[in-house]
Amino acid sequence: MNEAIVQSIRFFVLLFIQLILLHNVQLWGIAFPFIFIFFILFLPLTLNPWLALLLGFFIGVIVDIFSTTYGLHTATCTLLAFVRPFVLQRLTPKIHPDDPAYLNLYSRDLPANAAYLAVMSFTYCTGFFILQHVGTHGLFVTLKWALASATFTFLLLMIYRYLLVSKSDVKRKRI
């Protein structure tokens, strides 16, 4: 199947999961799931960085419209799309960016994927809660929400990655 079609299907599935199934889900009033960021995290690395930023912005706008967060998801999704190449480069410094193994996020082993998803979940949740609660709550309360939400998001992303992403999708992306 064409890569654009696969990414479009993933986009709509993740939006459906986030906006319909997980919209009001929270654990103990401090942990909120943000599974839709998987779309940004696993965009093809060969994608033009400006297009990745626009896609991050676009998915953030859609989530903001349906969750009335007034630009918080837009800002943090754009931030996530911006920092993604730098985080990947830091987490895999031994592989040159021109090497095909670098470009395949799906073929990475469990520790590499776990580190990547953990760092990006924490980045997203920290950015989101700092923007949402700047000046209204203390730093420790904001970091507590960010850490709890990042942990919850990380667990959902790992489940999605290893249970719901099909084996044929992983094999297709192997280089």
Protein backbone atom coordinates (compact mmCIF):
# COMPACT_ATOMS: atom_id res chain seq x y z
CA MET A 1 0.00 0.00 0.00
CA ASN A 2 1.18 3.51 -0.69
CA GLU A 3 2.96 5.20 2.25
CA ALA A 4 0.70 8.26 2.05
CA ILE A 5 -2.40 6.08 2.35
CA VAL A 6 -0.96 4.18 5.32
CA GLN A 7 -0.08 7.45 7.08
CA SER A 8 -3.55 8.87 6.34
CA ILE A 9 -5.24 5.81 7.80
CA ARG A 10 -2.98 5.98 10.87
CA PHE A 11 -3.80 9.69 11.22
CA PHE A 12 -7.56 9.08 11.30
CA VAL A 13 -7.35 5.99 13.51
CA LEU A 14 -5.24 7.82 16.10
CA LEU A 15 -7.53 10.85 16.01
CA PHE A 16 -10.54 8.57 16.49
CA ILE A 17 -8.90 6.81 19.44
CA GLN A 18 -7.91 10.13 21.04
CA LEU A 19 -11.07 12.13 20.43
CA ILE A 20 -13.71 9.45 20.86
CA LEU A 21 -12.25 6.79 23.15
CA LEU A 22 -9.70 8.66 25.28
CA HIS A 23 -11.18 12.15 25.39
CA ASN A 24 -12.42 11.92 28.99
CA VAL A 25 -10.03 9.25 30.24
CA GLN A 26 -7.82 10.21 33.16
CA LEU A 27 -6.15 8.36 35.98
CA TRP A 28 -6.58 9.80 39.47
CA GLY A 29 -7.20 13.25 38.00
CA ILE A 30 -3.56 13.80 37.07
CA ALA A 31 -2.69 11.41 34.21
CA PHE A 32 -4.13 12.13 30.77
CA PRO A 33 -3.36 10.03 27.66
CA PHE A 34 -2.12 11.62 24.44
CA ILE A 35 -1.88 8.67 22.05
CA PHE A 36 -2.34 10.77 18.90
CA ILE A 37 1.29 11.93 19.12
CA PHE A 38 2.27 8.51 17.73
CA PHE A 39 1.42 9.93 14.31
CA ILE A 40 4.09 12.62 14.67
CA LEU A 41 6.65 10.33 16.27
CA PHE A 42 6.55 7.73 13.51
CA LEU A 43 6.36 9.97 10.47
CA PRO A 44 8.87 8.87 7.83
CA LEU A 45 12.29 10.36 8.51
CA THR A 46 12.71 11.12 4.83
CA LEU A 47 9.78 13.53 5.09
CA ASN A 48 10.64 17.19 4.55
CA PRO A 49 11.04 18.83 8.01
CA TRP A 50 8.70 21.66 7.04
CA LEU A 51 6.03 19.17 6.08
CA ALA A 52 6.51 17.38 9.42
CA LEU A 53 6.02 20.70 11.21
CA LEU A 54 2.87 21.42 9.19
CA LEU A 55 1.48 17.95 9.93
CA GLY A 56 2.24 18.43 13.62
CA PHE A 57 0.51 21.79 13.53
CA PHE A 58 -2.46 20.33 11.65
CA ILE A 59 -3.06 17.41 14.01
CA GLY A 60 -2.71 19.79 16.97
CA VAL A 61 -5.34 22.12 15.53
CA ILE A 62 -7.77 19.25 15.03
CA VAL A 63 -7.33 17.99 18.59
CA ASP A 64 -7.64 21.56 19.91
CA ILE A 65 -10.90 22.08 18.06
CA PHE A 66 -12.46 18.97 19.56
CA SER A 67 -11.04 19.36 23.06
CA THR A 68 -11.31 23.15 23.46
CA THR A 69 -7.71 23.60 24.58
CA TYR A 70 -7.21 26.81 22.60
CA GLY A 71 -3.91 26.13 20.88
CA LEU A 72 -2.15 24.07 23.54
CA HIS A 73 -2.04 20.89 21.46
CA THR A 74 -1.13 22.90 18.38
CA ALA A 75 1.89 24.45 20.08
CA THR A 76 3.10 21.24 21.67
CA CYS A 77 2.56 19.10 18.55
CA THR A 78 4.56 21.62 16.54
CA LEU A 79 7.25 21.55 19.22
CA LEU A 80 7.27 17.74 19.09
CA ALA A 81 7.66 17.71 15.31
CA PHE A 82 10.49 20.23 15.66
CA VAL A 83 12.51 18.35 18.30
CA ARG A 84 11.92 14.86 16.83
CA PRO A 85 14.97 14.80 14.51
CA PHE A 86 17.26 16.09 17.28
CA VAL A 87 16.05 13.49 19.76
CA LEU A 88 16.46 10.71 17.20
CA GLN A 89 19.96 11.90 16.41
CA ARG A 90 20.87 11.94 20.12
CA LEU A 91 19.38 8.53 20.82
CA THR A 92 21.12 6.87 17.88
CA PRO A 93 24.48 8.66 17.51
CA LYS A 94 26.32 5.59 16.17
CA ILE A 95 24.25 5.44 12.99
CA HIS A 96 24.83 8.03 10.29
CA PRO A 97 21.63 9.74 9.10
CA ASP A 98 22.31 8.56 5.53
CA ASP A 99 22.36 4.91 6.64
CA PRO A 100 19.04 3.18 5.80
CA ALA A 101 18.94 1.59 9.27
CA TYR A 102 18.67 5.09 10.76
CA LEU A 103 15.60 5.82 8.66
CA ASN A 104 13.62 2.81 9.85
CA LEU A 105 11.91 3.56 13.16
CA TYR A 106 9.88 0.35 13.02
CA SER A 107 12.83 -2.04 12.95
CA ARG A 108 14.42 -0.67 16.11
CA ASP A 109 14.58 -2.91 19.12
CA LEU A 110 12.52 -2.53 22.29
CA PRO A 111 15.03 -0.43 24.33
CA ALA A 112 15.56 2.01 21.46
CA ASN A 113 11.82 2.43 20.88
CA ALA A 114 11.14 2.68 24.62
CA ALA A 115 13.77 5.40 25.09
CA TYR A 116 12.47 7.34 22.09
CA LEU A 117 8.82 7.10 23.17
CA ALA A 118 9.65 7.97 26.79
CA VAL A 119 11.65 11.08 25.89
CA MET A 120 9.08 12.29 23.40
CA SER A 121 6.12 11.58 25.73
CA PHE A 122 7.79 13.54 28.51
CA THR A 123 8.64 16.38 26.11
CA TYR A 124 5.05 16.59 24.90
CA CYS A 125 3.43 16.36 28.33
CA THR A 126 5.85 18.81 29.92
CA GLY A 127 5.30 21.35 27.16
CA PHE A 128 1.55 20.90 27.28
CA PHE A 129 1.17 21.27 31.06
CA ILE A 130 3.63 24.15 31.34
CA LEU A 131 1.64 26.03 28.71
CA GLN A 132 -1.68 25.09 30.31
CA HIS A 133 -0.79 25.93 33.89
CA VAL A 134 1.83 28.63 33.56
CA GLY A 135 1.46 30.89 36.55
CA THR A 136 -1.66 29.22 37.96
CA HIS A 137 -0.15 26.21 39.73
CA GLY A 138 3.21 25.58 41.27
CA LEU A 139 6.06 24.04 39.32
CA PHE A 140 5.89 20.77 41.26
CA VAL A 141 2.17 20.31 40.60
CA THR A 142 2.71 20.97 36.91
CA LEU A 143 5.63 18.52 36.78
CA LYS A 144 3.55 15.93 38.66
CA TRP A 145 0.85 16.15 35.98
CA ALA A 146 3.46 16.06 33.23
CA LEU A 147 5.23 13.02 34.66
CA ALA A 148 1.99 11.12 35.34
CA SER A 149 0.62 11.91 31.89
CA ALA A 150 3.93 11.10 30.21
CA THR A 151 3.99 7.71 31.93
CA PHE A 152 0.39 6.97 30.96
CA THR A 153 1.01 8.15 27.39
CA PHE A 154 4.24 6.14 27.16
CA LEU A 155 2.46 2.95 28.23
CA LEU A 156 -0.31 3.47 25.69
CA LEU A 157 2.20 4.25 22.93
CA MET A 158 4.16 1.08 23.71
CA ILE A 159 0.94 -0.98 23.64
CA TYR A 160 -0.08 0.64 20.36
CA ARG A 161 3.37 0.14 18.85
CA TYR A 162 3.86 -3.49 19.81
CA LEU A 163 0.31 -4.84 19.81
CA LEU A 164 -1.64 -2.82 17.28
CA VAL A 165 0.91 -1.99 14.57
CA SER A 166 0.70 -4.95 12.24
CA LYS A 167 3.63 -7.28 11.67
CA SER A 168 3.34 -6.71 7.91
CA ASP A 169 3.72 -2.98 8.49
CA VAL A 170 6.93 -3.60 10.42
CA LYS A 171 8.27 -6.03 7.79
CA ARG A 172 7.33 -3.67 4.97
CA LYS A 173 9.40 -0.96 6.57
CA ARG A 174 12.46 -3.13 7.15
CA ILE A 175 15.37 -2.07 5.00
